[in-house]
PDB file of N, CA and C in Angstrom:
ATOM      1  N   UNK A   1       2.273 -11.265  -8.116  1.00  0.00           N
ATOM      2  CA  UNK A   1       2.240  -9.946  -7.505  1.00  0.00           C
ATOM      3  C   UNK A   1       1.933  -8.928  -8.597  1.00  0.00           C
ATOM      4  N   UNK A   2       0.894  -8.131  -8.375  1.00  0.00           N
ATOM      5  CA  UNK A   2       0.466  -7.133  -9.340  1.00  0.00           C
ATOM      6  C   UNK A   2       0.916  -5.751  -8.863  1.00  0.00           C
ATOM      7  N   UNK A   3       2.030  -5.270  -9.382  1.00  0.00           N
ATOM      8  CA  UNK A   3       2.609  -4.012  -8.904  1.00  0.00           C
ATOM      9  C   UNK A   3       1.736  -2.800  -9.185  1.00  0.00           C
ATOM     10  N   UNK A   4       1.046  -2.782 -10.319  1.00  0.00           N
ATOM     11  CA  UNK A   4       0.208  -1.626 -10.650  1.00  0.00           C
ATOM     12  C   UNK A   4      -1.005  -1.511  -9.738  1.00  0.00           C
ATOM     13  N   UNK A   5      -1.398  -2.602  -9.121  1.00  0.00           N
ATOM     14  CA  UNK A   5      -2.570  -2.604  -8.256  1.00  0.00           C
ATOM     15  C   UNK A   5      -2.187  -2.864  -6.806  1.00  0.00           C
ATOM     16  N   UNK A   6      -0.940  -2.514  -6.444  1.00  0.00           N
ATOM     17  CA  UNK A   6      -0.441  -2.756  -5.090  1.00  0.00           C
ATOM     18  C   UNK A   6      -0.564  -1.505  -4.225  1.00  0.00           C
ATOM     19  N   UNK A   7      -1.100  -1.690  -3.042  1.00  0.00           N
ATOM     20  CA  UNK A   7      -1.193  -0.589  -2.082  1.00  0.00           C
ATOM     21  C   UNK A   7       0.209  -0.253  -1.579  1.00  0.00           C
ATOM     22  N   UNK A   8       0.604   1.020  -1.654  1.00  0.00           N
ATOM     23  CA  UNK A   8       1.937   1.404  -1.192  1.00  0.00           C
ATOM     24  C   UNK A   8       2.072   1.453   0.331  1.00  0.00           C
ATOM     25  N   UNK A   9       0.972   1.215   1.025  1.00  0.00           N
ATOM     26  CA  UNK A   9       0.999   1.214   2.486  1.00  0.00           C
ATOM     27  C   UNK A   9       1.222  -0.202   3.019  1.00  0.00           C
ATOM     28  N   UNK A  10       0.374  -1.138   2.567  1.00  0.00           N
ATOM     29  CA  UNK A  10       0.389  -2.484   3.153  1.00  0.00           C
ATOM     30  C   UNK A  10       0.777  -3.596   2.183  1.00  0.00           C
ATOM     31  N   UNK A  11       0.826  -3.296   0.879  1.00  0.00           N
ATOM     32  CA  UNK A  11       1.221  -4.301  -0.092  1.00  0.00           C
ATOM     33  C   UNK A  11       0.090  -5.132  -0.667  1.00  0.00           C
ATOM     34  N   UNK A  12      -1.151  -4.873  -0.265  1.00  0.00           N
ATOM     35  CA  UNK A  12      -2.288  -5.590  -0.862  1.00  0.00           C
ATOM     36  C   UNK A  12      -2.251  -5.326  -2.359  1.00  0.00           C
ATOM     37  N   UNK A  13      -2.263  -6.390  -3.182  1.00  0.00           N
ATOM     38  CA  UNK A  13      -2.027  -6.194  -4.613  1.00  0.00           C
ATOM     39  C   UNK A  13      -3.227  -6.503  -5.508  1.00  0.00           C
ATOM     40  N   UNK A  14      -4.409  -6.317  -4.953  1.00  0.00           N
ATOM     41  CA  UNK A  14      -5.613  -6.519  -5.751  1.00  0.00           C
ATOM     42  C   UNK A  14      -6.527  -5.302  -5.712  1.00  0.00           C
ATOM     43  N   UNK A  15      -5.931  -4.101  -5.703  1.00  0.00           N
ATOM     44  CA  UNK A  15      -6.742  -2.896  -5.724  1.00  0.00           C
ATOM     45  C   UNK A  15      -7.503  -2.808  -7.036  1.00  0.00           C
ATOM     46  N   UNK A  16      -8.661  -2.194  -6.978  1.00  0.00           N
ATOM     47  CA  UNK A  16      -9.526  -2.108  -8.154  1.00  0.00           C
ATOM     48  C   UNK A  16      -8.900  -1.283  -9.269  1.00  0.00           C
ATOM     49  N   UNK A  17      -8.305  -0.155  -8.921  1.00  0.00           N
ATOM     50  CA  UNK A  17      -7.705   0.741  -9.907  1.00  0.00           C
ATOM     51  C   UNK A  17      -6.190   0.717  -9.783  1.00  0.00           C
ATOM     52  N   UNK A  18      -5.482   0.947 -10.889  1.00  0.00           N
ATOM     53  CA  UNK A  18      -4.022   1.013 -10.785  1.00  0.00           C
ATOM     54  C   UNK A  18      -3.580   2.218  -9.964  1.00  0.00           C
ATOM     55  N   UNK A  19      -2.476   2.053  -9.265  1.00  0.00           N
ATOM     56  CA  UNK A  19      -1.884   3.142  -8.485  1.00  0.00           C
ATOM     57  C   UNK A  19      -0.797   3.750  -9.360  1.00  0.00           C
ATOM     58  N   UNK A  20      -0.953   4.995  -9.731  1.00  0.00           N
ATOM     59  CA  UNK A  20       0.014   5.660 -10.612  1.00  0.00           C
ATOM     60  C   UNK A  20       0.416   7.002 -10.010  1.00  0.00           C
ATOM     61  N   UNK A  21       1.713   7.232  -9.975  1.00  0.00           N
ATOM     62  CA  UNK A  21       2.233   8.512  -9.505  1.00  0.00           C
ATOM     63  C   UNK A  21       1.639   8.932  -8.165  1.00  0.00           C
ATOM     64  N   UNK A  22       1.513   7.950  -7.273  1.00  0.00           N
ATOM     65  CA  UNK A  22       1.001   8.208  -5.922  1.00  0.00           C
ATOM     66  C   UNK A  22      -0.385   8.830  -5.930  1.00  0.00           C
ATOM     67  N   UNK A  23      -1.159   8.565  -6.971  1.00  0.00           N
ATOM     68  CA  UNK A  23      -2.496   9.133  -7.042  1.00  0.00           C
ATOM     69  C   UNK A  23      -3.473   8.094  -7.561  1.00  0.00           C
ATOM     70  N   UNK A  24      -4.458   7.831  -6.820  1.00  0.00           N
ATOM     71  CA  UNK A  24      -5.590   7.016  -7.251  1.00  0.00           C
ATOM     72  C   UNK A  24      -6.682   7.276  -6.233  1.00  0.00           C
ATOM     73  N   UNK A  25      -7.833   6.809  -6.523  1.00  0.00           N
ATOM     74  CA  UNK A  25      -8.899   6.945  -5.534  1.00  0.00           C
ATOM     75  C   UNK A  25      -9.336   5.582  -5.043  1.00  0.00           C
ATOM     76  N   UNK A  26      -8.377   4.678  -4.959  1.00  0.00           N
ATOM     77  CA  UNK A  26      -8.620   3.375  -4.352  1.00  0.00           C
ATOM     78  C   UNK A  26      -8.743   3.541  -2.846  1.00  0.00           C
ATOM     79  N   UNK A  27      -9.576   2.715  -2.278  1.00  0.00           N
ATOM     80  CA  UNK A  27      -9.571   2.552  -0.829  1.00  0.00           C
ATOM     81  C   UNK A  27      -9.147   1.115  -0.601  1.00  0.00           C
ATOM     82  N   UNK A  28      -8.001   0.946  -0.009  1.00  0.00           N
ATOM     83  CA  UNK A  28      -7.457  -0.393   0.198  1.00  0.00           C
ATOM     84  C   UNK A  28      -8.285  -1.125   1.252  1.00  0.00           C
ATOM     85  N   UNK A  29      -8.811  -2.306   0.912  1.00  0.00           N
ATOM     86  CA  UNK A  29      -9.595  -3.039   1.901  1.00  0.00           C
ATOM     87  C   UNK A  29      -8.747  -3.599   3.044  1.00  0.00           C
ATOM     88  N   UNK A  30      -7.473  -3.787   2.785  1.00  0.00           N
ATOM     89  CA  UNK A  30      -6.593  -4.361   3.796  1.00  0.00           C
ATOM     90  C   UNK A  30      -6.268  -3.342   4.894  1.00  0.00           C
ATOM     91  N   UNK A  31      -5.737  -2.187   4.524  1.00  0.00           N
ATOM     92  CA  UNK A  31      -5.335  -1.191   5.529  1.00  0.00           C
ATOM     93  C   UNK A  31      -6.308  -0.012   5.624  1.00  0.00           C
ATOM     94  N   UNK A  32      -7.250   0.057   4.704  1.00  0.00           N
ATOM     95  CA  UNK A  32      -8.312   1.069   4.646  1.00  0.00           C
ATOM     96  C   UNK A  32      -7.786   2.476   4.344  1.00  0.00           C
ATOM     97  N   UNK A  33      -6.633   2.560   3.717  1.00  0.00           N
ATOM     98  CA  UNK A  33      -6.105   3.853   3.297  1.00  0.00           C
ATOM     99  C   UNK A  33      -6.795   4.286   2.014  1.00  0.00           C
ATOM    100  N   UNK A  34      -7.265   5.515   1.983  1.00  0.00           N
ATOM    101  CA  UNK A  34      -7.845   6.099   0.771  1.00  0.00           C
ATOM    102  C   UNK A  34      -6.689   6.784   0.042  1.00  0.00           C
ATOM    103  N   UNK A  35      -6.150   6.071  -0.942  1.00  0.00           N
ATOM    104  CA  UNK A  35      -4.974   6.572  -1.663  1.00  0.00           C
ATOM    105  C   UNK A  35      -5.329   7.818  -2.455  1.00  0.00           C
ATOM    106  N   UNK A  36      -4.461   8.816  -2.379  1.00  0.00           N
ATOM    107  CA  UNK A  36      -4.718  10.090  -3.024  1.00  0.00           C
ATOM    108  C   UNK A  36      -5.452  11.051  -2.095  1.00  0.00           C
ATOM    109  N   UNK A  37      -5.817  10.582  -0.907  1.00  0.00           N
ATOM    110  CA  UNK A  37      -6.512  11.436   0.061  1.00  0.00           C
ATOM    111  C   UNK A  37      -5.875  11.289   1.441  1.00  0.00           C
ATOM    112  N   UNK A  38      -5.986  10.082   2.028  1.00  0.00           N
ATOM    113  CA  UNK A  38      -5.422   9.850   3.355  1.00  0.00           C
ATOM    114  C   UNK A  38      -3.905  10.034   3.361  1.00  0.00           C
ATOM    115  N   UNK A  39      -3.268   9.733   2.229  1.00  0.00           N
ATOM    116  CA  UNK A  39      -1.808   9.813   2.168  1.00  0.00           C
ATOM    117  C   UNK A  39      -1.309  11.156   1.638  1.00  0.00           C
ATOM    118  N   UNK A  40      -2.200  12.143   1.535  1.00  0.00           N
ATOM    119  CA  UNK A  40      -1.807  13.479   1.079  1.00  0.00           C
ATOM    120  C   UNK A  40      -1.502  14.370   2.274  1.00  0.00           C
ATOM    121  N   UNK A  41      -0.484  15.189   2.132  1.00  0.00           N
ATOM    122  CA  UNK A  41      -0.094  16.087   3.214  1.00  0.00           C
ATOM    123  C   UNK A  41       0.685  17.264   2.634  1.00  0.00           C
ATOM    124  N   UNK A  42       0.448  18.431   3.166  1.00  0.00           N
ATOM    125  CA  UNK A  42       1.250  19.584   2.762  1.00  0.00           C
ATOM    126  C   UNK A  42       2.594  19.572   3.482  1.00  0.00           C
ATOM    127  N   UNK A  43       2.650  18.875   4.589  1.00  0.00           N
ATOM    128  CA  UNK A  43       3.843  18.853   5.432  1.00  0.00           C
ATOM    129  C   UNK A  43       4.822  17.741   5.065  1.00  0.00           C
ATOM    130  N   UNK A  44       4.294  16.592   4.596  1.00  0.00           N
ATOM    131  CA  UNK A  44       5.136  15.427   4.330  1.00  0.00           C
ATOM    132  C   UNK A  44       4.999  14.966   2.886  1.00  0.00           C
ATOM    133  N   UNK A  45       6.042  14.334   2.373  1.00  0.00           N
ATOM    134  CA  UNK A  45       5.994  13.743   1.031  1.00  0.00           C
ATOM    135  C   UNK A  45       5.118  12.494   1.065  1.00  0.00           C
ATOM    136  N   UNK A  46       4.741  12.003  -0.123  1.00  0.00           N
ATOM    137  CA  UNK A  46       3.980  10.753  -0.182  1.00  0.00           C
ATOM    138  C   UNK A  46       4.760   9.634   0.485  1.00  0.00           C
ATOM    139  N   UNK A  47       6.064   9.565   0.229  1.00  0.00           N
ATOM    140  CA  UNK A  47       6.879   8.496   0.804  1.00  0.00           C
ATOM    141  C   UNK A  47       6.860   8.548   2.328  1.00  0.00           C
ATOM    142  N   UNK A  48       6.961   9.758   2.882  1.00  0.00           N
ATOM    143  CA  UNK A  48       6.929   9.908   4.342  1.00  0.00           C
ATOM    144  C   UNK A  48       5.557   9.540   4.898  1.00  0.00           C
ATOM    145  N   UNK A  49       4.501   9.948   4.201  1.00  0.00           N
ATOM    146  CA  UNK A  49       3.155   9.595   4.638  1.00  0.00           C
ATOM    147  C   UNK A  49       2.942   8.091   4.561  1.00  0.00           C
ATOM    148  N   UNK A  50       3.461   7.475   3.497  1.00  0.00           N
ATOM    149  CA  UNK A  50       3.316   6.027   3.359  1.00  0.00           C
ATOM    150  C   UNK A  50       4.023   5.307   4.506  1.00  0.00           C
ATOM    151  N   UNK A  51       5.211   5.772   4.856  1.00  0.00           N
ATOM    152  CA  UNK A  51       5.931   5.174   5.991  1.00  0.00           C
ATOM    153  C   UNK A  51       5.134   5.299   7.282  1.00  0.00           C
ATOM    154  N   UNK A  52       4.585   6.490   7.525  1.00  0.00           N
ATOM    155  CA  UNK A  52       3.813   6.718   8.750  1.00  0.00           C
ATOM    156  C   UNK A  52       2.557   5.860   8.792  1.00  0.00           C
ATOM    157  N   UNK A  53       1.829   5.814   7.671  1.00  0.00           N
ATOM    158  CA  UNK A  53       0.601   5.023   7.614  1.00  0.00           C
ATOM    159  C   UNK A  53       0.901   3.527   7.720  1.00  0.00           C
ATOM    160  N   UNK A  54       1.992   3.093   7.082  1.00  0.00           N
ATOM    161  CA  UNK A  54       2.386   1.686   7.156  1.00  0.00           C
ATOM    162  C   UNK A  54       2.717   1.304   8.596  1.00  0.00           C
ATOM    163  N   UNK A  55       3.486   2.164   9.272  1.00  0.00           N
ATOM    164  CA  UNK A  55       3.870   1.865  10.654  1.00  0.00           C
ATOM    165  C   UNK A  55       2.643   1.818  11.560  1.00  0.00           C
ATOM    166  N   UNK A  56       1.694   2.705  11.327  1.00  0.00           N
ATOM    167  CA  UNK A  56       0.462   2.709  12.127  1.00  0.00           C
ATOM    168  C   UNK A  56      -0.310   1.407  11.919  1.00  0.00           C
ATOM    169  N   UNK A  57      -0.397   0.939  10.663  1.00  0.00           N
ATOM    170  CA  UNK A  57      -1.090  -0.315  10.358  1.00  0.00           C
ATOM    171  C   UNK A  57      -0.378  -1.497  11.033  1.00  0.00           C
ATOM    172  N   UNK A  58       0.953  -1.501  10.967  1.00  0.00           N
ATOM    173  CA  UNK A  58       1.743  -2.562  11.608  1.00  0.00           C
ATOM    174  C   UNK A  58       1.551  -2.528  13.126  1.00  0.00           C
ATOM    175  N   UNK A  59       1.655  -1.329  13.718  1.00  0.00           N
ATOM    176  CA  UNK A  59       1.505  -1.186  15.165  1.00  0.00           C
ATOM    177  C   UNK A  59       0.137  -1.658  15.655  1.00  0.00           C
ATOM    178  N   UNK A  60      -0.870  -1.552  14.784  1.00  0.00           N
ATOM    179  CA  UNK A  60      -2.221  -1.999  15.144  1.00  0.00           C
ATOM    180  C   UNK A  60      -2.445  -3.480  14.865  1.00  0.00           C
ATOM    181  N   UNK A  61      -1.391  -4.212  14.501  1.00  0.00           N
ATOM    182  CA  UNK A  61      -1.484  -5.644  14.317  1.00  0.00           C
ATOM    183  C   UNK A  61      -1.810  -6.093  12.903  1.00  0.00           C
ATOM    184  N   UNK A  62      -1.711  -5.204  11.918  1.00  0.00           N
ATOM    185  CA  UNK A  62      -1.955  -5.492  10.506  1.00  0.00           C
ATOM    186  C   UNK A  62      -3.329  -6.131  10.275  1.00  0.00           C
ATOM    187  N   UNK A  63      -4.390  -5.511  10.817  1.00  0.00           N
ATOM    188  CA  UNK A  63      -5.722  -6.105  10.669  1.00  0.00           C
ATOM    189  C   UNK A  63      -6.309  -5.879   9.274  1.00  0.00           C
ATOM    190  N   UNK A  64      -7.249  -6.721   8.895  1.00  0.00           N
ATOM    191  CA  UNK A  64      -8.069  -6.493   7.694  1.00  0.00           C
ATOM    192  C   UNK A  64      -9.061  -5.423   8.089  1.00  0.00           C
ATOM    193  N   UNK A  65      -9.049  -4.284   7.404  1.00  0.00           N
ATOM    194  CA  UNK A  65      -9.833  -3.131   7.834  1.00  0.00           C
ATOM    195  C   UNK A  65     -11.212  -2.999   7.192  1.00  0.00           C
ATOM    196  N   UNK A  66     -11.416  -3.625   6.052  1.00  0.00           N
ATOM    197  CA  UNK A  66     -12.688  -3.441   5.357  1.00  0.00           C
ATOM    198  C   UNK A  66     -13.825  -4.136   6.090  1.00  0.00           C
ATOM    199  N   UNK A  67     -14.930  -3.425   6.204  1.00  0.00           N
ATOM    200  CA  UNK A  67     -16.137  -4.039   6.751  1.00  0.00           C
ATOM    201  C   UNK A  67     -17.068  -4.463   5.614  1.00  0.00           C
ATOM    202  N   UNK A  68     -16.688  -4.155   4.382  1.00  0.00           N
ATOM    203  CA  UNK A  68     -17.492  -4.478   3.207  1.00  0.00           C
ATOM    204  C   UNK A  68     -16.910  -5.670   2.453  1.00  0.00           C
ATOM    205  N   UNK A  69     -15.614  -5.604   2.155  1.00  0.00           N
ATOM    206  CA  UNK A  69     -14.941  -6.683   1.426  1.00  0.00           C
ATOM    207  C   UNK A  69     -14.543  -7.791   2.390  1.00  0.00           C
ATOM    208  N   UNK A  70     -14.849  -9.004   2.009  1.00  0.00           N
ATOM    209  CA  UNK A  70     -14.480 -10.151   2.841  1.00  0.00           C
ATOM    210  C   UNK A  70     -12.982 -10.404   2.790  1.00  0.00           C
ATOM    211  N   UNK A  71     -12.461 -10.910   3.870  1.00  0.00           N
ATOM    212  CA  UNK A  71     -11.046 -11.272   3.919  1.00  0.00           C
ATOM    213  C   UNK A  71     -10.820 -12.435   2.954  1.00  0.00           C
ATOM    214  N   UNK A  72      -9.871 -12.289   2.026  1.00  0.00           N
ATOM    215  CA  UNK A  72      -9.572 -13.416   1.134  1.00  0.00           C
ATOM    216  C   UNK A  72      -9.132 -14.638   1.941  1.00  0.00           C
ATOM    217  N   UNK A  73      -9.527 -15.802   1.480  1.00  0.00           N
ATOM    218  CA  UNK A  73      -9.227 -17.049   2.186  1.00  0.00           C
ATOM    219  C   UNK A  73      -7.732 -17.201   2.449  1.00  0.00           C
ATOM    220  N   UNK A  74      -6.924 -16.865   1.460  1.00  0.00           N
ATOM    221  CA  UNK A  74      -5.475 -17.042   1.597  1.00  0.00           C
ATOM    222  C   UNK A  74      -4.750 -15.755   1.998  1.00  0.00           C
ATOM    223  N   UNK A  75      -5.487 -14.786   2.555  1.00  0.00           N
ATOM    224  CA  UNK A  75      -4.880 -13.495   2.898  1.00  0.00           C
ATOM    225  C   UNK A  75      -3.837 -13.673   3.992  1.00  0.00           C
ATOM    226  N   UNK A  76      -2.670 -13.085   3.747  1.00  0.00           N
ATOM    227  CA  UNK A  76      -1.571 -13.174   4.697  1.00  0.00           C
ATOM    228  C   UNK A  76      -0.905 -11.804   4.761  1.00  0.00           C
ATOM    229  N   UNK A  77      -1.224 -10.994   5.776  1.00  0.00           N
ATOM    230  CA  UNK A  77      -0.686  -9.644   5.833  1.00  0.00           C
ATOM    231  C   UNK A  77       0.838  -9.592   5.912  1.00  0.00           C
ATOM    232  N   UNK A  78       1.434 -10.565   6.567  1.00  0.00           N
ATOM    233  CA  UNK A  78       2.905 -10.577   6.660  1.00  0.00           C
ATOM    234  C   UNK A  78       3.523 -10.798   5.290  1.00  0.00           C
ATOM    235  N   UNK A  79       2.948 -11.723   4.520  1.00  0.00           N
ATOM    236  CA  UNK A  79       3.481 -12.000   3.187  1.00  0.00           C
ATOM    237  C   UNK A  79       3.304 -10.795   2.256  1.00  0.00           C
ATOM    238  N   UNK A  80       2.133 -10.146   2.311  1.00  0.00           N
ATOM    239  CA  UNK A  80       1.927  -9.000   1.428  1.00  0.00           C
ATOM    240  C   UNK A  80       2.861  -7.852   1.810  1.00  0.00           C
ATOM    241  N   UNK A  81       3.106  -7.671   3.094  1.00  0.00           N
ATOM    242  CA  UNK A  81       4.031  -6.631   3.535  1.00  0.00           C
ATOM    243  C   UNK A  81       5.455  -6.962   3.111  1.00  0.00           C
ATOM    244  N   UNK A  82       5.851  -8.223   3.240  1.00  0.00           N
ATOM    245  CA  UNK A  82       7.182  -8.648   2.793  1.00  0.00           C
ATOM    246  C   UNK A  82       7.357  -8.403   1.298  1.00  0.00           C
ATOM    247  N   UNK A  83       6.323  -8.699   0.505  1.00  0.00           N
ATOM    248  CA  UNK A  83       6.381  -8.448  -0.939  1.00  0.00           C
ATOM    249  C   UNK A  83       6.569  -6.962  -1.234  1.00  0.00           C
ATOM    250  N   UNK A  84       5.826  -6.124  -0.520  1.00  0.00           N
ATOM    251  CA  UNK A  84       5.946  -4.678  -0.714  1.00  0.00           C
ATOM    252  C   UNK A  84       7.342  -4.197  -0.337  1.00  0.00           C
ATOM    253  N   UNK A  85       7.834  -4.608   0.823  1.00  0.00           N
ATOM    254  CA  UNK A  85       9.145  -4.142   1.283  1.00  0.00           C
ATOM    255  C   UNK A  85      10.256  -4.642   0.362  1.00  0.00           C
ATOM    256  N   UNK A  86      10.133  -5.847  -0.140  1.00  0.00           N
ATOM    257  CA  UNK A  86      11.100  -6.377  -1.098  1.00  0.00           C
ATOM    258  C   UNK A  86      11.092  -5.545  -2.373  1.00  0.00           C
ATOM    259  N   UNK A  87       9.907  -5.231  -2.863  1.00  0.00           N
ATOM    260  CA  UNK A  87       9.782  -4.394  -4.057  1.00  0.00           C
ATOM    261  C   UNK A  87      10.389  -3.006  -3.813  1.00  0.00           C
ATOM    262  N   UNK A  88      10.079  -2.388  -2.677  1.00  0.00           N
ATOM    263  CA  UNK A  88      10.592  -1.047  -2.392  1.00  0.00           C
ATOM    264  C   UNK A  88      12.111  -1.047  -2.291  1.00  0.00           C
ATOM    265  N   UNK A  89      12.682  -2.109  -1.739  1.00  0.00           N
ATOM    266  CA  UNK A  89      14.134  -2.227  -1.657  1.00  0.00           C
ATOM    267  C   UNK A  89      14.737  -2.316  -3.054  1.00  0.00           C
ATOM    268  N   UNK A  90      14.156  -3.150  -3.913  1.00  0.00           N
ATOM    269  CA  UNK A  90      14.638  -3.255  -5.297  1.00  0.00           C
ATOM    270  C   UNK A  90      14.528  -1.918  -6.008  1.00  0.00           C
ATOM    271  N   UNK A  91      13.411  -1.232  -5.784  1.00  0.00           N
ATOM    272  CA  UNK A  91      13.180   0.062  -6.429  1.00  0.00           C
ATOM    273  C   UNK A  91      14.201   1.096  -5.955  1.00  0.00           C
ATOM    274  N   UNK A  92      14.539   1.066  -4.678  1.00  0.00           N
ATOM    275  CA  UNK A  92      15.509   2.044  -4.155  1.00  0.00           C
ATOM    276  C   UNK A  92      16.914   1.775  -4.694  1.00  0.00           C
ATOM    277  N   UNK A  93      17.187   0.509  -5.026  1.00  0.00           N
ATOM    278  CA  UNK A  93      18.491   0.156  -5.590  1.00  0.00           C
ATOM    279  C   UNK A  93      18.565   0.324  -7.094  1.00  0.00           C
ATOM    280  N   UNK A  94      17.408   0.538  -7.729  1.00  0.00           N
ATOM    281  CA  UNK A  94      17.355   0.718  -9.172  1.00  0.00           C
ATOM    282  C   UNK A  94      16.351   1.807  -9.502  1.00  0.00           C
ATOM    283  N   UNK A  95      16.795   3.068  -9.589  1.00  0.00           N
ATOM    284  CA  UNK A  95      15.899   4.190  -9.848  1.00  0.00           C
ATOM    285  C   UNK A  95      15.135   4.082 -11.177  1.00  0.00           C
ATOM    286  N   UNK A  96      15.561   3.198 -12.063  1.00  0.00           N
ATOM    287  CA  UNK A  96      14.849   3.039 -13.345  1.00  0.00           C
ATOM    288  C   UNK A  96      13.501   2.349 -13.162  1.00  0.00           C
ATOM    289  N   UNK A  97      13.307   1.669 -12.007  1.00  0.00           N
ATOM    290  CA  UNK A  97      12.037   1.010 -11.743  1.00  0.00           C
ATOM    291  C   UNK A  97      11.043   2.077 -11.330  1.00  0.00           C
ATOM    292  N   UNK A  98       9.957   2.169 -12.085  1.00  0.00           N
ATOM    293  CA  UNK A  98       8.912   3.133 -11.751  1.00  0.00           C
ATOM    294  C   UNK A  98       7.580   2.602 -12.217  1.00  0.00           C
ATOM    295  N   UNK A  99       6.662   2.447 -11.293  1.00  0.00           N
ATOM    296  CA  UNK A  99       5.341   1.959 -11.662  1.00  0.00           C
ATOM    297  C   UNK A  99       4.228   2.639 -10.889  1.00  0.00           C
ATOM    298  N   UNK A 100       4.582   3.661 -10.125  1.00  0.00           N
ATOM    299  CA  UNK A 100       3.563   4.393  -9.389  1.00  0.00           C
ATOM    300  C   UNK A 100       3.406   3.992  -7.938  1.00  0.00           C
ATOM    301  N   UNK A 101       3.995   2.876  -7.522  1.00  0.00           N
ATOM    302  CA  UNK A 101       3.838   2.448  -6.124  1.00  0.00           C
ATOM    303  C   UNK A 101       4.752   3.265  -5.254  1.00  0.00           C
TER     304      UNK A 101
END
């Protein structure tokens, strides 16, 4: 699991650029979120936007959204989401963990 390259929405961990301080210009091929743009809001925090975008992706059946990048052979949206949620739980229990996700 590559935490620096993990999408904070769906947990896909092979983003091209590292995600730092909730800012990057990655477009996640899994959930198609444009990080640093789609997750920006004057009304909500990044964490709140991430929750909303994650729930929307889940509600839509966790599809592979990219029409350009091929679905990895071993891609498993449930596993990547479980990895993300496990990481977020650990992070919430230990504020010293900080990597930008």
